């Protein structure tokens, strides 16, 4: 199993253990349920800021939280050009 797939299945398992629906998590993050599904199926990895919110919502143990944050996709810095 790839690390993306393992991450996704961990997110899904924790969400289901807490009895939280995809829609509720999506609403809390400001993303679509489709996006939550893509993360949980391992098609994509959440950006770091989304992962931070997922850790707050799903409240995994510290070791799991650290692993999830390590796997998160870095947020690209915004470059503003002034002329």
Protein backbone atom coordinates (compact mmCIF):
# COMPACT_ATOMS: atom_id res chain seq x y z
CA UNK A 1 0.00 0.00 0.00
CA UNK A 2 1.40 3.42 -0.95
CA UNK A 3 1.91 6.08 1.70
CA UNK A 4 -0.89 8.14 0.09
CA UNK A 5 -3.26 5.18 0.29
CA UNK A 6 -2.23 4.46 3.89
CA UNK A 7 -2.74 8.11 4.82
CA UNK A 8 -6.15 8.18 3.15
CA UNK A 9 -7.33 4.99 4.81
CA UNK A 10 -6.13 6.34 8.18
CA UNK A 11 -8.09 9.55 7.68
CA UNK A 12 -11.21 7.61 6.72
CA UNK A 13 -10.89 5.11 9.57
CA UNK A 14 -10.48 7.88 12.15
CA UNK A 15 -13.41 9.86 10.73
CA UNK A 16 -15.66 6.80 10.83
CA UNK A 17 -14.49 5.87 14.35
CA UNK A 18 -15.64 9.30 15.48
CA UNK A 19 -18.94 8.97 13.59
CA UNK A 20 -18.33 12.10 11.53
CA UNK A 21 -19.71 12.23 7.99
CA UNK A 22 -17.78 13.37 4.93
CA UNK A 23 -20.13 16.35 4.53
CA UNK A 24 -19.46 17.59 8.04
CA UNK A 25 -15.68 17.40 7.59
CA UNK A 26 -15.95 19.04 4.16
CA UNK A 27 -18.03 21.88 5.58
CA UNK A 28 -15.56 22.42 8.43
CA UNK A 29 -12.66 22.59 5.96
CA UNK A 30 -14.46 24.56 3.27
CA UNK A 31 -13.90 21.87 0.63
CA UNK A 32 -16.22 19.54 -1.27
CA UNK A 33 -17.15 16.02 -0.20
CA UNK A 34 -15.56 14.96 -3.49
CA UNK A 35 -12.24 16.36 -2.24
CA UNK A 36 -12.56 14.49 1.07
CA UNK A 37 -13.19 11.29 -0.89
CA UNK A 38 -10.12 11.88 -3.08
CA UNK A 39 -7.97 12.27 0.04
CA UNK A 40 -9.44 9.19 1.69
CA UNK A 41 -8.98 7.05 -1.43
CA UNK A 42 -5.36 8.16 -1.73
CA UNK A 43 -5.82 9.98 -5.05
CA UNK A 44 -4.50 13.22 -3.54
CA UNK A 45 -2.76 14.34 -0.37
CA UNK A 46 -4.16 17.31 1.55
CA UNK A 47 -2.16 20.53 1.64
CA UNK A 48 -0.46 21.26 4.94
CA UNK A 49 -3.04 23.84 6.05
CA UNK A 50 -5.90 21.42 5.32
CA UNK A 51 -4.04 18.66 7.16
CA UNK A 52 -3.62 20.89 10.20
CA UNK A 53 -7.40 21.35 10.29
CA UNK A 54 -7.96 17.61 9.79
CA UNK A 55 -5.70 16.93 12.79
CA UNK A 56 -7.75 19.39 14.86
CA UNK A 57 -11.06 17.86 13.73
CA UNK A 58 -10.11 14.17 13.91
CA UNK A 59 -7.84 14.51 16.97
CA UNK A 60 -5.60 11.49 16.35
CA UNK A 61 -2.95 10.37 18.82
CA UNK A 62 0.24 12.51 18.74
CA UNK A 63 2.26 9.97 16.74
CA UNK A 64 -0.42 9.71 14.07
CA UNK A 65 -0.86 13.49 13.95
CA UNK A 66 2.89 13.92 13.39
CA UNK A 67 2.86 11.28 10.62
CA UNK A 68 -0.12 12.90 8.89
CA UNK A 69 1.49 16.35 9.01
CA UNK A 70 4.73 14.91 7.63
CA UNK A 71 2.83 13.41 4.67
CA UNK A 72 0.93 16.64 3.92
CA UNK A 73 1.59 18.43 0.67
CA UNK A 74 3.56 21.66 1.26
CA UNK A 75 1.70 24.86 0.61
CA UNK A 76 3.20 26.78 -2.25
CA UNK A 77 4.23 30.29 -1.28
CA UNK A 78 2.39 33.07 -3.01
CA UNK A 79 4.61 35.42 -4.95
CA UNK A 80 3.18 38.86 -5.48
CA UNK A 81 4.80 41.06 -8.07
CA UNK A 82 4.43 44.77 -7.68
CA UNK A 83 5.04 47.05 -10.62
